[in-house]
C-alpha atoms as a PDB file:
ATOM      1  CA  UNK A   1       0.285   0.046  -0.001  1.00  0.00           C
ATOM      2  CA  UNK A   2       1.435   3.795  -0.782  1.00  0.00           C
ATOM      3  CA  UNK A   3       1.738   6.104   2.500  1.00  0.00           C
ATOM      4  CA  UNK A   4      -1.950   7.856   2.596  1.00  0.00           C
ATOM      5  CA  UNK A   5      -3.790   4.401   2.203  1.00  0.00           C
ATOM      6  CA  UNK A   6      -1.400   3.208   4.967  1.00  0.00           C
ATOM      7  CA  UNK A   7      -2.370   5.853   6.902  1.00  0.00           C
ATOM      8  CA  UNK A   8      -6.127   4.978   6.492  1.00  0.00           C
ATOM      9  CA  UNK A   9      -5.818   1.384   7.258  1.00  0.00           C
ATOM     10  CA  UNK A  10      -4.070   2.915  10.615  1.00  0.00           C
ATOM     11  CA  UNK A  11      -6.526   5.452  11.747  1.00  0.00           C
ATOM     12  CA  UNK A  12      -9.584   2.573  10.499  1.00  0.00           C
ATOM     13  CA  UNK A  13      -7.580   0.078  12.317  1.00  0.00           C
ATOM     14  CA  UNK A  14      -7.485   1.705  15.149  1.00  0.00           C
ATOM     15  CA  UNK A  15     -11.417   2.480  14.940  1.00  0.00           C
ATOM     16  CA  UNK A  16     -12.052  -1.000  14.768  1.00  0.00           C
ATOM     17  CA  UNK A  17     -10.464  -1.664  17.760  1.00  0.00           C
ATOM     18  CA  UNK A  18     -11.720   0.965  20.038  1.00  0.00           C
ATOM     19  CA  UNK A  19     -15.290   0.142  18.497  1.00  0.00           C
ATOM     20  CA  UNK A  20     -15.774   3.067  16.558  1.00  0.00           C
ATOM     21  CA  UNK A  21     -17.496   0.755  13.627  1.00  0.00           C
ATOM     22  CA  UNK A  22     -19.679  -0.744  15.134  1.00  0.00           C
ATOM     23  CA  UNK A  23     -20.992   2.669  16.060  1.00  0.00           C
ATOM     24  CA  UNK A  24     -21.036   3.523  12.898  1.00  0.00           C
ATOM     25  CA  UNK A  25     -24.097   1.173  12.130  1.00  0.00           C
ATOM     26  CA  UNK A  26     -25.972   2.677  15.500  1.00  0.00           C
ATOM     27  CA  UNK A  27     -25.374   6.230  13.625  1.00  0.00           C
ATOM     28  CA  UNK A  28     -26.110   5.751   9.700  1.00  0.00           C
ATOM     29  CA  UNK A  29     -28.388   2.356  10.194  1.00  0.00           C
ATOM     30  CA  UNK A  30     -31.726   4.440   9.702  1.00  0.00           C
ATOM     31  CA  UNK A  31     -30.436   6.480   6.257  1.00  0.00           C
ATOM     32  CA  UNK A  32     -29.036   3.118   5.004  1.00  0.00           C
ATOM     33  CA  UNK A  33     -32.184   1.471   6.024  1.00  0.00           C
ATOM     34  CA  UNK A  34     -33.900   3.667   3.739  1.00  0.00           C
ATOM     35  CA  UNK A  35     -31.500   4.032   0.764  1.00  0.00           C
ATOM     36  CA  UNK A  36     -30.916  -0.033   0.354  1.00  0.00           C
ATOM     37  CA  UNK A  37     -34.810  -0.862  -0.271  1.00  0.00           C
ATOM     38  CA  UNK A  38     -34.683   1.401  -3.105  1.00  0.00           C
ATOM     39  CA  UNK A  39     -31.722  -0.116  -4.689  1.00  0.00           C
ATOM     40  CA  UNK A  40     -34.197  -2.589  -6.754  1.00  0.00           C
ATOM     41  CA  UNK A  41     -31.472  -5.457  -5.441  1.00  0.00           C
ATOM     42  CA  UNK A  42     -33.051  -9.034  -7.520  1.00  0.00           C
ATOM     43  CA  UNK A  43     -32.342 -12.447  -6.439  1.00  0.00           C
ATOM     44  CA  UNK A  44     -29.283 -13.542  -7.457  1.00  0.00           C
ATOM     45  CA  UNK A  45     -27.918 -10.049  -7.861  1.00  0.00           C
ATOM     46  CA  UNK A  46     -24.122  -9.312  -6.551  1.00  0.00           C
ATOM     47  CA  UNK A  47     -23.218  -5.613  -4.659  1.00  0.00           C
ATOM     48  CA  UNK A  48     -20.219  -4.352  -3.693  1.00  0.00           C
ATOM     49  CA  UNK A  49     -19.728  -2.224  -0.685  1.00  0.00           C
ATOM     50  CA  UNK A  50     -16.652  -0.334  -0.584  1.00  0.00           C
ATOM     51  CA  UNK A  51     -15.887   0.944   2.641  1.00  0.00           C
ATOM     52  CA  UNK A  52     -17.534  -1.885   4.401  1.00  0.00           C
ATOM     53  CA  UNK A  53     -16.053  -1.446   8.178  1.00  0.00           C
ATOM     54  CA  UNK A  54     -17.653  -4.045   9.827  1.00  0.00           C
ATOM     55  CA  UNK A  55     -19.854  -5.385   7.562  1.00  0.00           C
ATOM     56  CA  UNK A  56     -23.125  -3.836   8.877  1.00  0.00           C
ATOM     57  CA  UNK A  57     -24.432  -2.708   4.967  1.00  0.00           C
ATOM     58  CA  UNK A  58     -22.345  -5.391   3.177  1.00  0.00           C
ATOM     59  CA  UNK A  59     -24.502  -7.599   4.936  1.00  0.00           C
ATOM     60  CA  UNK A  60     -27.940  -5.884   4.840  1.00  0.00           C
ATOM     61  CA  UNK A  61     -27.121  -5.753   1.041  1.00  0.00           C
ATOM     62  CA  UNK A  62     -27.051  -9.496   0.954  1.00  0.00           C
ATOM     63  CA  UNK A  63     -30.475  -9.839   2.862  1.00  0.00           C
ATOM     64  CA  UNK A  64     -32.024  -7.365   0.359  1.00  0.00           C
ATOM     65  CA  UNK A  65     -33.286 -10.423  -2.095  1.00  0.00           C
ATOM     66  CA  UNK A  66     -33.560 -13.638  -2.355  1.00  0.00           C
ATOM     67  CA  UNK A  67     -30.098 -15.547  -3.614  1.00  0.00           C
ATOM     68  CA  UNK A  68     -28.385 -11.952  -3.633  1.00  0.00           C
ATOM     69  CA  UNK A  69     -24.618 -11.861  -2.350  1.00  0.00           C
ATOM     70  CA  UNK A  70     -22.032  -9.125  -1.507  1.00  0.00           C
ATOM     71  CA  UNK A  71     -18.701  -8.298  -1.034  1.00  0.00           C
ATOM     72  CA  UNK A  72     -17.499  -5.800   1.189  1.00  0.00           C
ATOM     73  CA  UNK A  73     -13.896  -4.190   0.831  1.00  0.00           C
ATOM     74  CA  UNK A  74     -12.251  -2.028   3.184  1.00  0.00           C
ATOM     75  CA  UNK A  75      -8.441  -0.653   3.626  1.00  0.00           C
ATOM     76  CA  UNK A  76      -8.249  -1.681   7.361  1.00  0.00           C
ATOM     77  CA  UNK A  77      -7.457  -5.377   7.748  1.00  0.00           C
ATOM     78  CA  UNK A  78      -8.953  -5.115  11.300  1.00  0.00           C
ATOM     79  CA  UNK A  79     -12.108  -3.449  10.248  1.00  0.00           C
ATOM     80  CA  UNK A  80     -12.170  -6.854   7.876  1.00  0.00           C
ATOM     81  CA  UNK A  81     -11.643  -8.925  10.598  1.00  0.00           C
ATOM     82  CA  UNK A  82     -14.237  -7.525  12.779  1.00  0.00           C
ATOM     83  CA  UNK A  83     -16.564  -8.259   9.688  1.00  0.00           C
ATOM     84  CA  UNK A  84     -15.712 -11.681   9.730  1.00  0.00           C
ATOM     85  CA  UNK A  85     -16.391 -12.221  13.251  1.00  0.00           C
ATOM     86  CA  UNK A  86     -20.054 -10.871  13.003  1.00  0.00           C
ATOM     87  CA  UNK A  87     -20.456 -12.508  10.134  1.00  0.00           C
ATOM     88  CA  UNK A  88     -23.898 -14.593   9.581  1.00  0.00           C
ATOM     89  CA  UNK A  89     -23.484 -17.479   7.565  1.00  0.00           C
ATOM     90  CA  UNK A  90     -27.335 -17.564   6.656  1.00  0.00           C
ATOM     91  CA  UNK A  91     -26.370 -14.963   4.425  1.00  0.00           C
ATOM     92  CA  UNK A  92     -24.004 -14.829   0.852  1.00  0.00           C
ATOM     93  CA  UNK A  93     -21.628 -12.437   2.012  1.00  0.00           C
ATOM     94  CA  UNK A  94     -17.602 -11.549   2.236  1.00  0.00           C
ATOM     95  CA  UNK A  95     -15.184  -9.224   3.237  1.00  0.00           C
ATOM     96  CA  UNK A  96     -11.314  -8.432   1.559  1.00  0.00           C
ATOM     97  CA  UNK A  97      -8.866  -6.411   2.616  1.00  0.00           C
ATOM     98  CA  UNK A  98      -8.295  -4.080  -0.667  1.00  0.00           C
ATOM     99  CA  UNK A  99      -7.931  -0.317  -1.596  1.00  0.00           C
ATOM    100  CA  UNK A 100     -10.447   1.566  -3.729  1.00  0.00           C
ATOM    101  CA  UNK A 101      -8.284   2.111  -6.614  1.00  0.00           C
ATOM    102  CA  UNK A 102      -7.404  -1.576  -7.073  1.00  0.00           C
ATOM    103  CA  UNK A 103     -10.022  -4.059  -5.819  1.00  0.00           C
ATOM    104  CA  UNK A 104      -8.160  -7.091  -7.334  1.00  0.00           C
ATOM    105  CA  UNK A 105     -12.117  -8.101  -8.135  1.00  0.00           C
ATOM    106  CA  UNK A 106     -13.193  -9.507 -11.980  1.00  0.00           C
ATOM    107  CA  UNK A 107     -13.916  -6.853 -14.192  1.00  0.00           C
ATOM    108  CA  UNK A 108     -18.045  -6.660 -14.582  1.00  0.00           C
ATOM    109  CA  UNK A 109     -18.834  -8.925 -11.280  1.00  0.00           C
ATOM    110  CA  UNK A 110     -21.434  -6.926 -10.012  1.00  0.00           C
ATOM    111  CA  UNK A 111     -24.865  -5.305 -10.377  1.00  0.00           C
ATOM    112  CA  UNK A 112     -24.591  -2.795  -7.813  1.00  0.00           C
ATOM    113  CA  UNK A 113     -21.415  -1.089  -6.290  1.00  0.00           C
ATOM    114  CA  UNK A 114     -22.520   0.929  -2.564  1.00  0.00           C
ATOM    115  CA  UNK A 115     -20.813   3.289  -0.070  1.00  0.00           C
ATOM    116  CA  UNK A 116     -21.566   4.581   3.169  1.00  0.00           C
ATOM    117  CA  UNK A 117     -19.449   7.533   4.359  1.00  0.00           C
ATOM    118  CA  UNK A 118     -16.436   6.054   3.107  1.00  0.00           C
ATOM    119  CA  UNK A 119     -15.870   7.156  -0.836  1.00  0.00           C
ATOM    120  CA  UNK A 120     -14.408  10.569   0.553  1.00  0.00           C
ATOM    121  CA  UNK A 121     -11.324   8.948   2.028  1.00  0.00           C
ATOM    122  CA  UNK A 122     -10.363   8.063  -1.279  1.00  0.00           C
ATOM    123  CA  UNK A 123      -6.817   9.052  -2.096  1.00  0.00           C
ATOM    124  CA  UNK A 124      -7.487   9.259  -5.847  1.00  0.00           C
ATOM    125  CA  UNK A 125     -11.085   9.404  -6.836  1.00  0.00           C
ATOM    126  CA  UNK A 126     -10.861   9.304 -10.152  1.00  0.00           C
ATOM    127  CA  UNK A 127      -9.067   5.468  -9.849  1.00  0.00           C
ATOM    128  CA  UNK A 128     -11.723   4.693  -7.363  1.00  0.00           C
ATOM    129  CA  UNK A 129     -14.347   5.792  -9.657  1.00  0.00           C
ATOM    130  CA  UNK A 130     -13.150   3.944 -12.856  1.00  0.00           C
ATOM    131  CA  UNK A 131     -12.384   0.898 -10.556  1.00  0.00           C
ATOM    132  CA  UNK A 132     -16.162   0.837  -9.366  1.00  0.00           C
ATOM    133  CA  UNK A 133     -17.509   0.885 -13.092  1.00  0.00           C
ATOM    134  CA  UNK A 134     -15.019  -1.681 -14.318  1.00  0.00           C
ATOM    135  CA  UNK A 135     -16.693  -3.817 -11.838  1.00  0.00           C
ATOM    136  CA  UNK A 136     -20.057  -3.163 -12.338  1.00  0.00           C
ATOM    137  CA  UNK A 137     -21.948  -5.146 -14.951  1.00  0.00           C
ATOM    138  CA  UNK A 138     -23.245  -3.031 -18.291  1.00  0.00           C
ATOM    139  CA  UNK A 139     -26.398  -1.727 -16.453  1.00  0.00           C
ATOM    140  CA  UNK A 140     -25.521  -1.767 -12.942  1.00  0.00           C
ATOM    141  CA  UNK A 141     -25.529   1.337 -10.820  1.00  0.00           C
ATOM    142  CA  UNK A 142     -23.858   2.500  -8.313  1.00  0.00           C
ATOM    143  CA  UNK A 143     -24.663   4.270  -5.471  1.00  0.00           C
ATOM    144  CA  UNK A 144     -22.717   6.263  -2.642  1.00  0.00           C
ATOM    145  CA  UNK A 145     -24.135   7.910   0.186  1.00  0.00           C
ATOM    146  CA  UNK A 146     -22.241  10.838   2.461  1.00  0.00           C
ATOM    147  CA  UNK A 147     -22.662  12.860   5.048  1.00  0.00           C
ATOM    148  CA  UNK A 148     -19.160  14.768   4.345  1.00  0.00           C
ATOM    149  CA  UNK A 149     -19.795  17.966   1.504  1.00  0.00           C
ATOM    150  CA  UNK A 150     -20.135  21.254   0.473  1.00  0.00           C
ATOM    151  CA  UNK A 151     -23.939  21.836   1.168  1.00  0.00           C
ATOM    152  CA  UNK A 152     -23.363  20.117   4.545  1.00  0.00           C
ATOM    153  CA  UNK A 153     -22.039  23.493   6.384  1.00  0.00           C
ATOM    154  CA  UNK A 154     -21.372  21.775   9.878  1.00  0.00           C
ATOM    155  CA  UNK A 155     -19.007  18.937   8.497  1.00  0.00           C
ATOM    156  CA  UNK A 156     -16.691  21.337   7.085  1.00  0.00           C
ATOM    157  CA  UNK A 157     -14.062  20.734   9.852  1.00  0.00           C
ATOM    158  CA  UNK A 158     -14.086  17.221   9.833  1.00  0.00           C
ATOM    159  CA  UNK A 159     -11.373  16.084   8.027  1.00  0.00           C
ATOM    160  CA  UNK A 160      -9.178  18.240  10.685  1.00  0.00           C
ATOM    161  CA  UNK A 161     -11.124  15.929  13.400  1.00  0.00           C
ATOM    162  CA  UNK A 162     -10.452  12.956  11.537  1.00  0.00           C
ATOM    163  CA  UNK A 163      -6.610  13.620  10.924  1.00  0.00           C
ATOM    164  CA  UNK A 164      -6.798  12.693   7.127  1.00  0.00           C
ATOM    165  CA  UNK A 165      -7.074  13.752   3.975  1.00  0.00           C
ATOM    166  CA  UNK A 166     -10.820  14.056   3.022  1.00  0.00           C
ATOM    167  CA  UNK A 167     -12.373  14.654  -0.402  1.00  0.00           C
ATOM    168  CA  UNK A 168     -15.220  18.083   0.813  1.00  0.00           C
ATOM    169  CA  UNK A 169     -17.064  17.876  -2.707  1.00  0.00           C
ATOM    170  CA  UNK A 170     -20.178  19.790  -3.801  1.00  0.00           C
ATOM    171  CA  UNK A 171     -23.365  17.826  -5.161  1.00  0.00           C
ATOM    172  CA  UNK A 172     -22.606  19.166  -8.539  1.00  0.00           C
ATOM    173  CA  UNK A 173     -19.129  17.962  -8.055  1.00  0.00           C
ATOM    174  CA  UNK A 174     -20.469  14.721  -7.285  1.00  0.00           C
ATOM    175  CA  UNK A 175     -22.447  14.591 -10.215  1.00  0.00           C
ATOM    176  CA  UNK A 176     -19.739  15.821 -12.473  1.00  0.00           C
ATOM    177  CA  UNK A 177     -17.221  13.128 -11.275  1.00  0.00           C
ATOM    178  CA  UNK A 178     -19.908   9.942 -12.094  1.00  0.00           C
ATOM    179  CA  UNK A 179     -20.440  11.652 -15.534  1.00  0.00           C
ATOM    180  CA  UNK A 180     -16.485  11.812 -16.316  1.00  0.00           C
ATOM    181  CA  UNK A 181     -15.801   8.221 -14.808  1.00  0.00           C
ATOM    182  CA  UNK A 182     -18.711   7.296 -17.467  1.00  0.00           C
ATOM    183  CA  UNK A 183     -21.612   6.835 -15.592  1.00  0.00           C
ATOM    184  CA  UNK A 184     -24.805   7.867 -17.019  1.00  0.00           C
ATOM    185  CA  UNK A 185     -27.809   9.791 -15.007  1.00  0.00           C
ATOM    186  CA  UNK A 186     -26.115  11.200 -12.565  1.00  0.00           C
ATOM    187  CA  UNK A 187     -28.152  12.629  -9.366  1.00  0.00           C
ATOM    188  CA  UNK A 188     -28.015  13.414  -6.105  1.00  0.00           C
ATOM    189  CA  UNK A 189     -31.082  13.548  -3.181  1.00  0.00           C
ATOM    190  CA  UNK A 190     -30.625  14.340   0.082  1.00  0.00           C
ATOM    191  CA  UNK A 191     -31.966  11.318   2.657  1.00  0.00           C
ATOM    192  CA  UNK A 192     -33.067  12.825   5.990  1.00  0.00           C
ATOM    193  CA  UNK A 193     -32.824  10.579   9.223  1.00  0.00           C
ATOM    194  CA  UNK A 194     -35.916   9.572  10.237  1.00  0.00           C
ATOM    195  CA  UNK A 195     -34.614   9.812  14.080  1.00  0.00           C
ATOM    196  CA  UNK A 196     -34.261  13.841  14.138  1.00  0.00           C
ATOM    197  CA  UNK A 197     -32.130  15.281  15.991  1.00  0.00           C
ATOM    198  CA  UNK A 198     -33.084  13.745  19.025  1.00  0.00           C
ATOM    199  CA  UNK A 199     -33.835  15.193  22.692  1.00  0.00           C
ATOM    200  CA  UNK A 200     -31.469  17.963  23.109  1.00  0.00           C
ATOM    201  CA  UNK A 201     -31.211  17.013  26.957  1.00  0.00           C
ATOM    202  CA  UNK A 202     -29.443  13.733  25.629  1.00  0.00           C
ATOM    203  CA  UNK A 203     -26.759  15.743  23.481  1.00  0.00           C
ATOM    204  CA  UNK A 204     -23.112  14.928  24.387  1.00  0.00           C
ATOM    205  CA  UNK A 205     -21.202  17.714  22.768  1.00  0.00           C
ATOM    206  CA  UNK A 206     -17.769  16.206  20.643  1.00  0.00           C
ATOM    207  CA  UNK A 207     -15.158  17.834  18.413  1.00  0.00           C
ATOM    208  CA  UNK A 208     -17.635  17.127  15.522  1.00  0.00           C
ATOM    209  CA  UNK A 209     -20.315  18.957  16.809  1.00  0.00           C
ATOM    210  CA  UNK A 210     -19.674  21.120  19.629  1.00  0.00           C
ATOM    211  CA  UNK A 211     -22.623  22.300  20.554  1.00  0.00           C
ATOM    212  CA  UNK A 212     -26.746  21.661  19.837  1.00  0.00           C
ATOM    213  CA  UNK A 213     -27.497  23.997  16.939  1.00  0.00           C
ATOM    214  CA  UNK A 214     -24.343  22.705  15.473  1.00  0.00           C
ATOM    215  CA  UNK A 215     -25.660  18.622  15.420  1.00  0.00           C
ATOM    216  CA  UNK A 216     -29.618  20.302  14.376  1.00  0.00           C
ATOM    217  CA  UNK A 217     -27.539  22.001  11.262  1.00  0.00           C
ATOM    218  CA  UNK A 218     -26.298  18.397  10.149  1.00  0.00           C
ATOM    219  CA  UNK A 219     -29.403  16.490  11.186  1.00  0.00           C
ATOM    220  CA  UNK A 220     -31.372  18.640   9.003  1.00  0.00           C
ATOM    221  CA  UNK A 221     -28.778  18.667   5.726  1.00  0.00           C
ATOM    222  CA  UNK A 222     -29.539  14.911   5.635  1.00  0.00           C
ATOM    223  CA  UNK A 223     -27.168  12.407   3.797  1.00  0.00           C
ATOM    224  CA  UNK A 224     -26.118  12.731   0.038  1.00  0.00           C
ATOM    225  CA  UNK A 225     -27.460   9.903  -1.691  1.00  0.00           C
ATOM    226  CA  UNK A 226     -25.317  10.072  -4.806  1.00  0.00           C
ATOM    227  CA  UNK A 227     -26.325   7.607  -8.395  1.00  0.00           C
ATOM    228  CA  UNK A 228     -25.336   6.362 -11.176  1.00  0.00           C
ATOM    229  CA  UNK A 229     -25.614   3.614 -13.549  1.00  0.00           C
ATOM    230  CA  UNK A 230     -23.030   2.152 -16.211  1.00  0.00           C
ATOM    231  CA  UNK A 231     -24.411   2.480 -19.701  1.00  0.00           C
ATOM    232  CA  UNK A 232     -26.127  -0.574 -20.838  1.00  0.00           C
END
């Protein structure tokens, strides 16, 4: 792995060891539960989960239709180790260590490429999207979900908080990147967590959300769902 990938692997290995990987499911599970039923996953479809972490979304993808399968990839070996520990053998899913830019997977192997809160860590977005395009079957779809984007202003300082480079792009930027990578019908929409902001009495300040107003503005902006299709 190159230096940026080594840094990312170490960062997310530490997250896996501290339990932060599991907390991602708590934080983002509601949005993913809204998005996955709209991905049109059918029996026998194969989905790729980029930046799978502990594999929670990978398992949701694999359970989206009878006979569907999913592969989760992550740069962090400790995340993949945890994903395998949490795996259910009642579903068709597996997990692999790989950077987005060099997946090591077969051409046209997947009907869906999905990612939740991970694609903006890609050291080379152009190569990452080219790999996603390569492994998709003709007519396959890509669906990326991010909270870190320019229109969600409370997230602007996240790269400093995490301590790693992150791509802070606008909705228009994301559509342009998908189009340049060869995807058709690139579009973006917002997904609002159905749990809302919660009870102010339960709010605890953090480096990402130093006060209640910042938290509320973040929740109200919602997650950005970026979609495109590989030409049939």
